[in-house]
Amino acid sequence: MCMPSNLAIDDRLLDEALRVGRQKTKRETVNEALREFIQRRQRPHLKKVFGAIDYDPAYDYKKERRGR
């Protein structure tokens, strides 16, 4: 869903984001920044899962690769 908006965005920040992100337009740059912001904010939920899976120290992933 797209809706028109009038935002006061710091021109220096936007110019730097355009340069660093290499997007073609300001719109692409802002959308990418919002996606990254959301992903970063959702990461703390992964901490709840971390450590919930038991690790088998005897598992040999290299041996599994050879079997293919």
N, C-alpha and C. Protein backbone atom coordinates (compact mmCIF):
# COMPACT_ATOMS: atom_id res chain seq x y z
N MET A 1 0.85 -1.18 0.00
CA MET A 1 0.00 0.00 0.00
C MET A 1 0.89 1.24 0.00
N CYS A 2 0.70 2.10 -0.92
CA CYS A 2 1.47 3.33 -0.99
C CYS A 2 0.54 4.50 -0.68
N MET A 3 1.06 5.41 0.10
CA MET A 3 0.28 6.61 0.36
C MET A 3 1.21 7.80 0.29
N PRO A 4 0.73 8.88 -0.24
CA PRO A 4 1.57 10.07 -0.35
C PRO A 4 1.89 10.61 1.04
N SER A 5 3.09 11.10 1.17
CA SER A 5 3.47 11.69 2.45
C SER A 5 4.44 12.84 2.21
N ASN A 6 4.49 13.70 3.15
CA ASN A 6 5.37 14.85 3.10
C ASN A 6 6.24 14.78 4.34
N LEU A 7 7.46 14.27 4.17
CA LEU A 7 8.36 14.08 5.29
C LEU A 7 9.51 15.07 5.22
N ALA A 8 9.91 15.56 6.36
CA ALA A 8 11.09 16.42 6.43
C ALA A 8 12.28 15.53 6.76
N ILE A 9 13.01 15.10 5.73
CA ILE A 9 14.15 14.20 5.89
C ILE A 9 15.43 15.01 5.73
N ASP A 10 16.37 14.76 6.61
CA ASP A 10 17.66 15.44 6.57
C ASP A 10 18.34 15.13 5.23
N ASP A 11 18.55 16.16 4.43
CA ASP A 11 19.13 15.99 3.10
C ASP A 11 20.52 15.35 3.14
N ARG A 12 21.31 15.72 4.13
CA ARG A 12 22.66 15.14 4.22
C ARG A 12 22.59 13.64 4.48
N LEU A 13 21.69 13.23 5.38
CA LEU A 13 21.53 11.80 5.66
C LEU A 13 21.04 11.05 4.43
N LEU A 14 20.08 11.61 3.75
CA LEU A 14 19.54 10.96 2.56
C LEU A 14 20.59 10.86 1.45
N ASP A 15 21.35 11.92 1.25
CA ASP A 15 22.41 11.89 0.24
C ASP A 15 23.46 10.83 0.57
N GLU A 16 23.82 10.74 1.84
CA GLU A 16 24.80 9.73 2.27
C GLU A 16 24.24 8.32 2.09
N ALA A 17 22.97 8.13 2.43
CA ALA A 17 22.33 6.82 2.25
C ALA A 17 22.26 6.44 0.77
N LEU A 18 21.98 7.40 -0.08
CA LEU A 18 21.97 7.15 -1.53
C LEU A 18 23.35 6.71 -2.00
N ARG A 19 24.37 7.37 -1.53
CA ARG A 19 25.73 7.06 -1.93
C ARG A 19 26.14 5.68 -1.43
N VAL A 20 25.90 5.41 -0.17
CA VAL A 20 26.32 4.16 0.44
C VAL A 20 25.48 2.98 -0.05
N GLY A 21 24.19 3.18 -0.15
CA GLY A 21 23.30 2.10 -0.54
C GLY A 21 23.25 1.82 -2.02
N ARG A 22 23.66 2.78 -2.81
CA ARG A 22 23.70 2.65 -4.27
C ARG A 22 22.33 2.39 -4.90
N GLN A 23 21.27 2.86 -4.24
CA GLN A 23 19.97 2.80 -4.87
C GLN A 23 19.89 3.91 -5.90
N LYS A 24 18.94 3.76 -6.82
CA LYS A 24 18.83 4.73 -7.90
C LYS A 24 18.00 5.94 -7.51
N THR A 25 17.07 5.76 -6.59
CA THR A 25 16.18 6.87 -6.24
C THR A 25 16.09 7.04 -4.73
N LYS A 26 15.59 8.20 -4.34
CA LYS A 26 15.38 8.47 -2.92
C LYS A 26 14.33 7.52 -2.37
N ARG A 27 13.32 7.26 -3.16
CA ARG A 27 12.25 6.35 -2.72
C ARG A 27 12.81 4.96 -2.41
N GLU A 28 13.63 4.41 -3.31
CA GLU A 28 14.25 3.11 -3.08
C GLU A 28 15.12 3.13 -1.83
N THR A 29 15.83 4.22 -1.64
CA THR A 29 16.70 4.36 -0.48
C THR A 29 15.91 4.34 0.82
N VAL A 30 14.84 5.10 0.86
CA VAL A 30 14.02 5.16 2.07
C VAL A 30 13.35 3.82 2.33
N ASN A 31 12.83 3.17 1.29
CA ASN A 31 12.20 1.87 1.47
C ASN A 31 13.19 0.82 1.97
N GLU A 32 14.40 0.82 1.44
CA GLU A 32 15.42 -0.11 1.89
C GLU A 32 15.80 0.17 3.35
N ALA A 33 15.93 1.43 3.69
CA ALA A 33 16.25 1.80 5.07
C ALA A 33 15.16 1.34 6.03
N LEU A 34 13.92 1.46 5.63
CA LEU A 34 12.81 1.01 6.47
C LEU A 34 12.82 -0.51 6.63
N ARG A 35 13.13 -1.24 5.54
CA ARG A 35 13.21 -2.70 5.63
C ARG A 35 14.32 -3.11 6.60
N GLU A 36 15.48 -2.47 6.49
CA GLU A 36 16.59 -2.79 7.39
C GLU A 36 16.25 -2.44 8.84
N PHE A 37 15.58 -1.34 9.05
CA PHE A 37 15.16 -0.93 10.39
C PHE A 37 14.25 -2.00 11.01
N ILE A 38 13.29 -2.47 10.23
CA ILE A 38 12.35 -3.48 10.72
C ILE A 38 13.08 -4.78 11.03
N GLN A 39 13.97 -5.21 10.14
CA GLN A 39 14.72 -6.45 10.37
C GLN A 39 15.56 -6.34 11.64
N ARG A 40 16.20 -5.21 11.83
CA ARG A 40 17.05 -5.02 13.01
C ARG A 40 16.22 -5.04 14.28
N ARG A 41 15.05 -4.44 14.25
CA ARG A 41 14.20 -4.41 15.43
C ARG A 41 13.60 -5.78 15.74
N GLN A 42 13.48 -6.64 14.73
CA GLN A 42 12.92 -7.96 14.96
C GLN A 42 13.96 -8.97 15.45
N ARG A 43 15.22 -8.66 15.35
CA ARG A 43 16.27 -9.58 15.76
C ARG A 43 16.21 -9.98 17.23
N PRO A 44 15.87 -9.11 18.15
CA PRO A 44 15.84 -9.56 19.55
C PRO A 44 14.94 -10.77 19.78
N HIS A 45 13.95 -10.97 18.94
CA HIS A 45 13.08 -12.14 19.07
C HIS A 45 13.86 -13.42 18.80
N LEU A 46 14.93 -13.33 18.02
CA LEU A 46 15.73 -14.52 17.73
C LEU A 46 16.51 -14.98 18.95
N LYS A 47 16.78 -14.08 19.87
CA LYS A 47 17.51 -14.46 21.08
C LYS A 47 16.74 -15.49 21.89
N LYS A 48 15.43 -15.46 21.80
CA LYS A 48 14.61 -16.43 22.52
C LYS A 48 14.84 -17.84 21.98
N VAL A 49 15.11 -17.94 20.67
CA VAL A 49 15.32 -19.24 20.03
C VAL A 49 16.76 -19.71 20.23
N PHE A 50 17.68 -18.77 20.34
CA PHE A 50 19.10 -19.11 20.46
C PHE A 50 19.33 -19.98 21.69
N GLY A 51 20.02 -21.08 21.50
CA GLY A 51 20.29 -21.98 22.60
C GLY A 51 19.19 -22.99 22.85
N ALA A 52 18.12 -22.93 22.09
CA ALA A 52 17.00 -23.85 22.27
C ALA A 52 17.23 -25.17 21.53
N ILE A 53 18.20 -25.18 20.64
CA ILE A 53 18.50 -26.38 19.87
C ILE A 53 19.79 -26.99 20.40
N ASP A 54 19.74 -28.28 20.68
CA ASP A 54 20.93 -28.96 21.18
C ASP A 54 21.91 -29.19 20.05
N TYR A 55 23.17 -28.97 20.32
CA TYR A 55 24.24 -29.15 19.35
C TYR A 55 24.91 -30.49 19.61
N ASP A 56 25.11 -31.28 18.57
CA ASP A 56 25.78 -32.56 18.69
C ASP A 56 27.24 -32.39 18.31
N PRO A 57 28.16 -32.42 19.26
CA PRO A 57 29.58 -32.21 18.94
C PRO A 57 30.16 -33.30 18.04
N ALA A 58 29.51 -34.45 17.94
CA ALA A 58 30.02 -35.54 17.11
C ALA A 58 29.57 -35.40 15.65
N TYR A 59 28.68 -34.46 15.36
CA TYR A 59 28.18 -34.29 14.00
C TYR A 59 29.30 -33.80 13.09
N ASP A 60 29.48 -34.47 11.97
CA ASP A 60 30.54 -34.11 11.01
C ASP A 60 29.88 -33.62 9.71
N TYR A 61 29.75 -32.31 9.59
CA TYR A 61 29.10 -31.74 8.41
C TYR A 61 29.89 -32.00 7.13
N LYS A 62 31.21 -32.12 7.26
CA LYS A 62 32.02 -32.39 6.06
C LYS A 62 31.74 -33.80 5.53
N LYS A 63 31.53 -34.74 6.42
CA LYS A 63 31.19 -36.09 6.00
C LYS A 63 29.86 -36.11 5.29
N GLU A 64 28.91 -35.34 5.78
CA GLU A 64 27.60 -35.26 5.14
C GLU A 64 27.69 -34.68 3.73
N ARG A 65 28.58 -33.75 3.52
CA ARG A 65 28.75 -33.14 2.20
C ARG A 65 29.31 -34.15 1.18
N ARG A 66 30.20 -35.01 1.65
CA ARG A 66 30.82 -36.00 0.76
C ARG A 66 29.80 -37.00 0.24
N GLY A 67 28.74 -37.20 0.98
CA GLY A 67 27.74 -38.20 0.60
C GLY A 67 26.84 -37.76 -0.54
N ARG A 68 26.93 -36.55 -0.97
CA ARG A 68 26.05 -36.04 -2.03
C ARG A 68 26.52 -36.43 -3.39
